[in-house]
Protein backbone atom coordinates (compact mmCIF):
# COMPACT_ATOMS: atom_id res chain seq x y z
CA MET A 1 0.00 0.00 0.00
CA LEU A 2 1.28 3.48 -0.86
CA LYS A 3 1.70 5.63 2.24
CA ARG A 4 0.24 9.13 2.15
CA LYS A 5 1.31 12.16 4.16
CA ILE A 6 -2.27 12.90 5.16
CA GLU A 7 -2.38 9.63 7.15
CA LYS A 8 -0.57 11.28 10.05
CA GLU A 9 -3.22 13.99 10.31
CA ILE A 10 -6.09 11.48 10.05
CA MET A 11 -4.55 9.29 12.75
CA HIS A 12 -4.09 12.34 14.97
CA TRP A 13 -7.81 13.09 14.56
CA ILE A 14 -8.73 9.49 15.42
CA GLU A 15 -6.57 9.56 18.55
CA SER A 16 -7.33 12.98 19.97
CA SER A 17 -10.09 15.06 18.35
CA ASP A 18 -13.74 15.30 19.34
CA LYS A 19 -14.67 17.28 16.20
CA ALA A 20 -16.08 15.87 12.98
CA LEU A 21 -13.50 15.45 10.21
CA LEU A 22 -14.01 16.53 6.60
CA ILE A 23 -11.59 15.33 3.92
CA TYR A 24 -12.17 16.97 0.56
CA GLY A 25 -10.34 17.51 -2.69
CA VAL A 26 -10.11 16.52 -6.31
CA ARG A 27 -11.86 13.31 -7.37
CA GLN A 28 -9.66 10.18 -7.63
CA ALA A 29 -7.04 11.46 -5.16
CA GLY A 30 -7.60 8.38 -2.96
CA LYS A 31 -9.68 9.89 -0.16
CA THR A 32 -12.01 6.95 0.44
CA PHE A 33 -9.22 4.37 0.40
CA ILE A 34 -6.97 6.22 2.83
CA ILE A 35 -9.83 6.91 5.27
CA ARG A 36 -10.70 3.21 5.36
CA GLU A 37 -7.07 2.20 5.85
CA CYS A 38 -6.59 4.65 8.72
CA LEU A 39 -9.77 3.55 10.45
CA LYS A 40 -8.76 -0.10 10.10
CA ALA A 41 -5.21 0.56 11.31
CA ALA A 42 -6.57 2.33 14.40
CA GLY A 43 -8.96 -0.55 15.11
CA CYS A 44 -12.04 1.67 14.77
CA ASP A 45 -15.53 0.23 14.60
CA TYR A 46 -16.86 2.17 11.61
CA ILE A 47 -19.84 2.14 9.29
CA GLU A 48 -19.48 3.55 5.80
CA PHE A 49 -22.28 5.14 3.78
CA ASN A 50 -21.80 6.28 0.18
CA LEU A 51 -24.29 8.99 -0.73
CA ILE A 52 -23.98 8.32 -4.48
CA ARG A 53 -24.33 4.54 -4.38
CA GLN A 54 -26.83 4.67 -1.51
CA PRO A 55 -29.23 7.54 -2.27
CA GLU A 56 -31.50 6.27 0.49
CA ILE A 57 -28.99 7.68 2.99
CA VAL A 58 -29.58 11.15 1.58
CA GLU A 59 -33.29 10.68 2.25
CA ILE A 60 -32.55 9.52 5.80
CA LEU A 61 -30.25 12.49 6.48
CA ALA A 62 -32.73 14.95 5.02
CA GLY A 63 -35.80 13.48 6.72
CA ALA A 64 -34.44 12.87 10.22
CA THR A 65 -36.38 14.84 12.83
CA SER A 66 -33.77 14.40 15.59
CA ILE A 67 -30.41 12.77 16.33
CA ASP A 68 -32.21 9.77 17.83
CA ASP A 69 -34.40 9.48 14.75
CA LEU A 70 -31.32 9.62 12.50
CA ILE A 71 -29.43 6.97 14.46
CA LEU A 72 -32.46 4.69 14.55
CA LYS A 73 -32.96 4.88 10.78
CA LEU A 74 -29.24 4.37 10.06
CA SER A 75 -29.18 1.34 12.37
CA LEU A 76 -32.19 -0.15 10.58
CA TYR A 77 -30.54 0.48 7.18
CA SER A 78 -27.16 -0.96 8.16
CA ASP A 79 -26.47 -4.60 8.99
CA GLN A 80 -23.68 -3.52 11.37
CA LYS A 81 -24.22 -2.95 15.06
CA ILE A 82 -24.11 0.70 16.13
CA VAL A 83 -22.48 1.17 19.54
CA PRO A 84 -22.51 4.56 21.32
CA GLY A 85 -19.01 5.64 22.27
CA LYS A 86 -17.40 3.32 19.71
CA THR A 87 -19.00 3.59 16.27
CA VAL A 88 -17.53 6.02 13.73
CA PHE A 89 -19.88 7.07 10.93
CA PHE A 90 -18.13 7.60 7.58
CA PHE A 91 -20.26 9.50 5.06
CA ASP A 92 -18.65 9.46 1.61
CA GLU A 93 -19.52 11.55 -1.48
CA ILE A 94 -21.29 14.15 0.65
CA GLN A 95 -21.49 16.60 -2.26
CA LYS A 96 -24.78 14.78 -2.91
CA TYR A 97 -26.12 16.28 0.33
CA LYS A 98 -24.29 19.50 1.15
CA GLU A 99 -26.93 20.36 3.75
CA ILE A 100 -25.09 18.02 6.09
CA ALA A 101 -23.09 21.14 7.03
CA THR A 102 -26.05 22.41 9.02
CA LYS A 103 -26.24 19.15 10.96
CA VAL A 104 -22.54 18.86 11.91
CA LYS A 105 -22.85 20.97 15.06
CA PHE A 106 -25.74 18.89 16.41
CA LEU A 107 -24.08 15.59 15.53
CA VAL A 108 -20.87 16.58 17.32
CA ASP A 109 -22.72 18.07 20.30
CA ASP A 110 -24.55 14.76 20.77
CA LYS A 111 -21.15 13.15 21.64
CA ARG A 112 -22.35 9.54 21.27
CA PHE A 113 -20.65 8.96 17.92
CA ARG A 114 -17.83 10.32 15.78
CA TYR A 115 -18.12 11.40 12.15
CA ILE A 116 -15.87 11.48 9.11
CA LEU A 117 -17.15 13.23 5.99
CA SER A 118 -15.58 12.94 2.56
CA GLY A 119 -16.35 14.32 -0.86
CA SER A 120 -14.95 15.74 -4.03
CA LEU A 121 -14.99 19.52 -3.92
CA LEU A 122 -17.14 19.81 -7.01
CA GLY A 123 -17.40 23.52 -7.65
CA VAL A 124 -18.85 25.22 -4.62
CA GLU A 125 -21.23 22.37 -3.72
CA ILE A 126 -19.68 21.67 -0.33
CA VAL A 127 -17.77 24.88 0.28
CA ASN A 128 -20.22 25.71 3.08
CA LEU A 129 -18.86 22.75 5.04
CA LYS A 130 -15.62 24.63 5.55
CA SER A 131 -17.55 27.44 7.21
CA ALA A 132 -19.37 25.14 9.63
CA PRO A 133 -19.48 26.37 13.24
CA VAL A 134 -15.96 26.83 14.61
CA GLY A 135 -14.97 24.06 16.97
CA TYR A 136 -17.12 21.38 15.34
CA LEU A 137 -15.36 20.49 12.11
CA GLN A 138 -11.74 19.87 11.15
CA THR A 139 -11.01 20.02 7.40
CA LEU A 140 -8.18 18.43 5.41
CA ASN A 141 -7.54 18.84 1.70
CA MET A 142 -6.20 15.77 -0.09
CA TYR A 143 -4.15 16.00 -3.27
CA PRO A 144 -2.70 13.59 -5.82
CA LEU A 145 0.60 12.03 -4.73
CA ASP A 146 3.36 14.61 -4.67
CA PHE A 147 6.79 13.62 -5.96
CA GLU A 148 8.08 12.54 -2.55
CA GLU A 149 5.12 10.18 -2.12
CA PHE A 150 5.56 8.94 -5.70
CA LEU A 151 9.15 7.85 -4.96
CA GLN A 152 7.76 4.97 -2.87
CA ILE A 153 7.18 2.87 -5.98
CA PHE A 154 10.96 2.88 -6.56
CA HIS A 155 11.65 1.99 -2.92
CA VAL A 156 13.57 5.22 -2.33
CA GLY A 157 14.29 5.02 1.38
CA GLN A 158 14.54 7.65 4.07
CA PRO A 159 18.38 7.79 3.98
CA VAL A 160 18.29 8.90 0.33
CA LEU A 161 15.55 11.44 1.03
CA ASP A 162 17.53 12.76 4.01
CA THR A 163 20.59 13.13 1.79
CA LEU A 164 18.62 15.05 -0.81
CA ARG A 165 16.96 17.23 1.82
CA LYS A 166 20.34 18.04 3.37
CA ALA A 167 21.63 19.09 -0.07
CA PHE A 168 18.56 21.32 -0.46
CA THR A 169 18.91 23.03 2.92
CA SER A 170 22.71 23.36 2.76
CA LYS A 171 22.67 24.34 -0.93
CA THR A 172 25.33 21.80 -1.80
CA PRO A 173 25.40 19.54 -4.91
CA VAL A 174 23.96 16.04 -4.86
CA GLU A 175 26.24 13.15 -5.79
CA GLU A 176 25.90 12.91 -9.58
CA VAL A 177 24.86 9.24 -9.62
CA ILE A 178 22.01 9.97 -7.19
CA HIS A 179 21.07 13.15 -9.05
CA GLY A 180 20.85 11.25 -12.35
CA LYS A 181 18.68 8.49 -10.87
CA ILE A 182 16.25 10.90 -9.22
CA MET A 183 15.97 12.87 -12.46
CA GLU A 184 14.98 9.65 -14.25
CA MET A 185 12.32 9.02 -11.63
CA PHE A 186 11.14 12.60 -11.94
CA ASN A 187 10.73 12.19 -15.71
CA LEU A 188 8.55 9.16 -15.00
CA TYR A 189 6.51 11.25 -12.59
CA LEU A 190 5.89 13.72 -15.42
CA ILE A 191 4.24 11.01 -17.50
CA ILE A 192 2.55 9.00 -14.72
CA GLY A 193 1.59 11.78 -12.35
CA GLY A 194 0.19 11.36 -8.86
CA MET A 195 -3.29 9.95 -9.33
CA PRO A 196 -3.27 6.80 -7.15
CA ALA A 197 -5.02 4.61 -9.75
CA ALA A 198 -2.49 5.55 -12.43
CA VAL A 199 0.47 5.11 -10.08
CA GLU A 200 -0.80 1.71 -8.95
CA LYS A 201 -1.38 0.68 -12.57
CA TYR A 202 2.23 1.52 -13.43
CA ARG A 203 3.51 -0.24 -10.30
CA THR A 204 1.68 -3.46 -11.15
CA THR A 205 1.90 -3.53 -14.96
CA GLY A 206 4.70 -1.17 -15.96
CA SER A 207 2.58 -0.23 -18.97
CA ILE A 208 2.33 3.44 -19.96
CA ASP A 209 -0.61 2.52 -22.21
CA ASP A 210 -2.48 1.25 -19.13
CA VAL A 211 -1.54 4.44 -17.27
CA MET A 212 -2.91 6.58 -20.08
CA ASP A 213 -6.14 4.58 -20.05
CA GLU A 214 -6.48 5.41 -16.34
CA HIS A 215 -5.82 9.08 -17.07
CA ARG A 216 -8.42 9.19 -19.82
CA ALA A 217 -10.99 7.55 -17.54
CA ILE A 218 -10.31 10.18 -14.85
CA ILE A 219 -10.62 13.03 -17.37
CA GLU A 220 -13.91 11.64 -18.63
CA GLN A 221 -15.14 11.37 -15.04
CA TYR A 222 -14.29 15.03 -14.51
CA LYS A 223 -16.27 15.98 -17.61
CA LEU A 224 -19.17 13.86 -16.38
CA ASP A 225 -18.99 15.75 -13.09
CA PHE A 226 -19.30 19.00 -15.03
CA THR A 227 -22.61 17.81 -16.45
CA GLN A 228 -23.87 16.40 -13.14
CA TYR A 229 -23.09 19.23 -10.78
CA GLU A 230 -23.33 22.43 -12.78
CA ALA A 231 -26.11 24.56 -14.20
CA GLU A 232 -27.27 23.63 -17.68
CA ASN A 233 -25.96 26.80 -19.32
CA ARG A 234 -22.44 26.25 -17.96
CA LYS A 235 -21.85 22.55 -18.62
CA LEU A 236 -20.39 22.95 -22.11
CA LEU A 237 -18.44 26.04 -21.06
CA LEU A 238 -16.71 24.18 -18.22
CA THR A 239 -15.72 21.37 -20.56
CA HIS A 240 -14.48 23.85 -23.16
CA ILE A 241 -12.33 25.73 -20.64
CA TYR A 242 -10.90 22.51 -19.24
CA GLU A 243 -10.02 21.22 -22.71
CA LEU A 244 -8.31 24.52 -23.55
CA ILE A 245 -5.86 24.38 -20.62
CA PRO A 246 -3.12 22.28 -22.32
CA ALA A 247 -3.08 24.54 -25.37
CA GLU A 248 -3.07 27.72 -23.27
CA LEU A 249 -0.08 26.42 -21.29
CA ASN A 250 1.78 25.82 -24.53
CA GLU A 251 1.63 29.53 -25.38
CA LYS A 252 4.64 31.70 -24.61
CA ASN A 253 3.27 33.45 -21.52
CA LYS A 254 0.94 30.57 -20.50
CA ARG A 255 -1.73 33.04 -19.35
CA PHE A 256 -5.27 31.89 -20.02
CA MET A 257 -6.79 34.09 -22.75
CA ILE A 258 -10.54 34.61 -22.44
CA ALA A 259 -10.73 35.44 -26.16
CA ASP A 260 -9.71 31.86 -26.95
CA ILE A 261 -13.04 30.71 -25.56
CA LYS A 262 -15.00 33.15 -27.67
CA LYS A 263 -13.94 36.39 -29.31
CA GLY A 264 -15.29 39.43 -27.47
CA LEU A 265 -16.23 37.44 -24.37
CA ARG A 266 -15.79 39.33 -21.10
CA PHE A 267 -14.30 37.71 -18.01
CA ASP A 268 -17.10 38.85 -15.70
CA ARG A 269 -19.57 36.90 -17.85
CA ILE A 270 -17.85 33.58 -17.12
CA GLU A 271 -15.94 34.21 -13.89
CA ASP A 272 -18.04 31.66 -11.99
CA SER A 273 -16.93 28.88 -14.35
CA PHE A 274 -13.26 29.48 -13.56
CA THR A 275 -14.04 29.68 -9.85
CA TRP A 276 -15.89 26.37 -10.11
CA LEU A 277 -12.89 24.64 -11.75
CA TRP A 278 -10.30 25.67 -9.19
CA LYS A 279 -12.61 25.16 -6.23
CA ALA A 280 -13.32 21.70 -7.63
CA GLY A 281 -9.56 21.14 -7.62
CA VAL A 282 -9.45 19.92 -11.23
CA ALA A 283 -7.61 23.10 -12.25
CA LEU A 284 -5.08 25.18 -10.33
CA GLY A 285 -5.31 28.95 -10.64
CA VAL A 286 -2.09 30.97 -10.47
CA PHE A 287 -3.00 34.64 -10.16
CA ASN A 288 -1.18 37.75 -11.23
CA THR A 289 0.26 39.93 -8.51
CA THR A 290 1.08 43.49 -9.55
CA GLU A 291 3.92 43.86 -7.03
CA PRO A 292 6.24 41.18 -5.59
CA THR A 293 5.69 42.39 -2.04
CA VAL A 294 3.89 40.88 0.94
CA PRO A 295 1.08 40.31 1.36
CA LEU A 296 0.76 39.15 -2.22
CA MET A 297 -3.02 38.94 -1.90
CA LEU A 298 -3.30 42.71 -1.63
CA ASN A 299 -1.71 43.04 -5.09
CA GLU A 300 -3.72 40.24 -6.71
CA LYS A 301 -5.27 40.91 -10.10
CA SER A 302 -7.80 38.10 -10.27
CA THR A 303 -8.75 38.71 -13.90
CA LEU A 304 -5.23 37.70 -15.01
CA PHE A 305 -4.27 34.10 -14.30
CA LYS A 306 -2.74 30.89 -15.53
CA LEU A 307 -4.62 27.59 -15.31
CA PHE A 308 -2.77 24.35 -14.68
CA LEU A 309 -4.18 20.84 -14.38
CA SER A 310 -4.40 19.23 -10.96
CA ASP A 311 -2.06 16.44 -12.05
CA VAL A 312 0.90 16.56 -14.43
CA GLY A 313 0.25 13.00 -15.64
CA LEU A 314 -3.15 14.07 -16.93
CA LEU A 315 -1.49 16.96 -18.76
CA THR A 316 1.09 14.80 -20.55
CA THR A 317 -1.60 12.30 -21.48
CA LEU A 318 -3.57 15.11 -23.10
CA TYR A 319 -0.42 16.16 -24.95
CA GLY A 320 -0.20 12.60 -26.29
CA LYS A 321 1.99 9.53 -26.22
CA ALA A 322 4.69 11.17 -28.36
CA CYS A 323 5.15 13.82 -25.65
CA LYS A 324 5.57 11.16 -22.95
CA LEU A 325 8.07 9.28 -25.12
CA LYS A 326 10.17 12.40 -25.68
CA ILE A 327 10.23 13.08 -21.94
CA VAL A 328 11.55 9.66 -20.95
CA THR A 329 14.00 9.46 -23.86
CA LYS A 330 15.25 12.99 -23.07
CA GLU A 331 14.85 14.23 -26.63
CA LYS A 332 16.36 17.67 -27.04
CA ASP A 333 13.66 19.11 -29.27
CA ILE A 334 10.89 18.89 -26.67
CA ASN A 335 9.85 22.04 -24.84
CA LYS A 336 8.99 20.92 -21.32
CA GLY A 337 8.23 24.42 -20.03
CA ALA A 338 4.48 23.88 -19.62
CA VAL A 339 4.99 20.44 -18.07
CA TYR A 340 7.62 21.68 -15.61
CA GLU A 341 5.53 24.66 -14.56
CA ASN A 342 2.51 22.43 -14.07
CA VAL A 343 4.40 20.10 -11.76
CA VAL A 344 5.77 23.04 -9.76
CA ALA A 345 2.27 24.52 -9.41
CA GLN A 346 1.00 21.11 -8.33
CA GLU A 347 3.71 20.68 -5.68
CA LEU A 348 3.34 24.21 -4.31
CA TYR A 349 -0.43 23.80 -4.08
CA ALA A 350 -0.08 20.46 -2.27
CA HIS A 351 2.30 22.15 0.16
CA LYS A 352 -0.39 24.76 0.87
CA TYR A 353 1.12 27.78 -0.84
CA SER A 354 -1.10 30.43 -2.40
CA LEU A 355 -0.10 30.59 -6.07
CA TYR A 356 0.92 33.80 -7.82
CA TYR A 357 3.01 34.97 -10.75
CA TYR A 358 4.41 38.43 -11.47
CA ASN A 359 4.38 40.26 -14.78
CA SER A 360 5.54 43.75 -15.67
CA LYS A 361 6.04 45.35 -19.07
CA LYS A 362 9.26 46.93 -17.82
CA LYS A 363 10.70 44.14 -15.70
CA GLY A 364 9.31 40.98 -17.35
CA GLU A 365 7.58 37.92 -15.91
CA LEU A 366 8.36 35.61 -12.99
CA ASP A 367 6.89 32.11 -13.22
CA PHE A 368 5.86 32.00 -9.56
CA VAL A 369 6.07 34.18 -6.48
CA VAL A 370 5.12 32.78 -3.08
CA GLU A 371 5.29 33.94 0.51
CA GLN A 372 8.01 32.10 2.41
CA ALA A 373 8.54 32.83 6.13
CA GLY A 374 6.83 36.18 5.71
CA ARG A 375 8.92 37.24 2.72
CA VAL A 376 8.50 37.03 -1.05
CA LEU A 377 10.30 34.15 -2.73
CA PRO A 378 10.53 34.37 -6.54
CA ILE A 379 10.64 31.03 -8.38
CA GLU A 380 11.74 30.51 -11.96
CA VAL A 381 11.31 27.18 -13.77
CA LYS A 382 13.75 26.37 -16.57
CA SER A 383 13.59 23.16 -18.61
CA GLY A 384 16.45 24.01 -21.01
CA LYS A 385 20.20 24.49 -20.79
CA ASP A 386 20.11 28.30 -20.81
CA TYR A 387 18.70 28.42 -17.28
CA GLU A 388 21.18 31.09 -16.19
CA LYS A 389 19.43 33.58 -18.47
CA HIS A 390 16.59 35.14 -16.46
CA SER A 391 16.34 38.86 -17.15
CA ALA A 392 13.01 39.32 -15.37
CA LEU A 393 14.37 37.73 -12.21
CA ASP A 394 17.51 39.88 -12.39
CA ASN A 395 15.38 42.99 -12.84
CA VAL A 396 13.18 42.22 -9.83
CA MET A 397 16.10 41.27 -7.61
CA ALA A 398 17.74 44.60 -8.42
CA VAL A 399 14.89 46.66 -6.91
CA PRO A 400 15.92 47.55 -3.32
CA GLU A 401 12.34 48.44 -2.31
CA TYR A 402 11.24 44.85 -2.83
CA GLY A 403 13.77 43.61 -0.28
CA ILE A 404 13.97 40.17 -1.87
CA GLN A 405 16.70 38.20 -0.13
CA GLU A 406 16.80 35.08 -2.27
CA ALA A 407 15.27 33.38 -5.30
CA TYR A 408 15.11 29.81 -6.59
CA VAL A 409 15.62 28.65 -10.16
CA PHE A 410 14.53 25.04 -10.74
CA THR A 411 16.45 23.31 -13.53
CA ASN A 412 17.60 19.91 -14.79
CA ASP A 413 21.06 20.43 -13.33
CA ASN A 414 22.59 20.04 -9.90
CA VAL A 415 22.61 22.47 -6.99
CA LYS A 416 24.68 25.64 -7.23
CA THR A 417 24.47 29.18 -5.91
CA ASP A 418 25.19 32.60 -7.36
CA GLY A 419 24.74 35.37 -4.84
CA LYS A 420 21.08 35.54 -3.90
CA LEU A 421 20.17 32.95 -6.54
CA THR A 422 20.04 29.24 -5.84
CA TYR A 423 19.82 26.84 -8.76
CA LEU A 424 18.09 23.62 -7.74
CA PRO A 425 17.23 20.35 -9.49
CA ILE A 426 13.57 20.44 -10.48
CA TYR A 427 12.77 17.48 -8.21
CA MET A 428 13.79 19.50 -5.13
CA VAL A 429 10.52 21.40 -5.33
CA MET A 430 9.28 18.53 -3.14
CA PHE A 431 11.20 20.05 -0.22
CA LEU A 432 9.79 23.55 -0.53
CA GLN A 433 7.72 24.15 2.58
CA ASP A 434 6.73 27.42 4.19
CA GLU A 435 8.83 28.22 7.25
CA PRO A 436 7.53 29.61 10.54
CA ILE A 437 8.08 33.28 11.24
CA GLY A 438 10.21 34.06 14.28
CA PHE A 439 8.09 36.39 16.41
CA ILE A 440 9.28 38.44 19.36
CA ASP A 441 7.83 37.58 22.76
CA ILE A 442 4.10 38.27 22.46
CA SER A 443 2.89 35.95 25.21
CA VAL A 444 -0.23 36.86 27.19
CA ASP A 445 1.81 37.19 30.39
CA LYS A 446 3.81 40.04 28.87
CA PHE A 447 0.69 42.21 28.71
CA LYS A 448 -0.55 41.63 32.26
CA LEU A 449 -0.91 44.78 34.37
């Protein structure tokens, strides 16, 4: 079984929390499987209800007149014994009954049972769950496997990961043999991606054709979701936007052009469709920031953005088998810029960064800017050999008012530094995590009279 980082947080909830737990995220990320495995590993007595396969449960949830009435009806529906103080109720696919958000407080207050909720964040269908009464619901977002999780299929052990992480933090080169091997694995990640079904298919069959079949099935499921969960007048538009993403990323500046949907179309006419896609998790929005200064949100220009796919394997499947072949055979004529930027966006998003890029007519464009330990960190992504050419980055770094202390350039080559610039192998994006800010003493005791 592939281990997932979210397991630690789920197990912590099982062991110590009295809240309900909501796990949400893109479809096919492995939510249901990992919840079951954690509950089994902890020895929990749980009952699972799937609101899509068991629509009767929706009727029971909607029609219950009290907690006692709900428990009675669930016990009559289930062939498992329900035991107060022991039973954990697991409601899956809750986007079919988003009104469960209004019941969470009462279910938790009852204290006889514990509750795990799971669902794909399809548009804004269950966004209200995240705003449930404070103190009653813990939420966790689950993503496709990031690159570090993906390395399990090659049995890359902790000593190797520790060596790579030490090279990242100390900014020292990795041994060339190790660097070469990890780059080969990274190229495979570009074509397989992090969707658990696709990763498992590759692990068991080694067939890229089988992997692509899994990808196509996932993409078709997403398109089916568009038709199931959105208003009639937006179904075709959502599909059209989603299908345009690979082509838009192949353009020079990678920014999504509204005119490519329909000439003369205004953003405010279709803004909800874009919001739906990135709230659903099937697309990642990277927004323009007009100044590379913190907080980046204050400088956000939400009408200018890039759209990436939630999983790089899906992107390379849409680009076709020839693209995947060129990646693994390291053909020189392939432009991997869109693919590299997609995987960086995917990793940053999984590591809980807010995603921005910077563009200025005078200074140029930075691929990504994120907030790191309370400061701006510019990130450039270079798939070619001329990675030391980055005029926009040089221009931004030269502005004293920005106060930028360092920048990362992710490349195919090994670690090296040049003043404030650090050149890192593209796979080291897996180690990029926000760092805590060192505050002065602001304890409560300090302010006592």
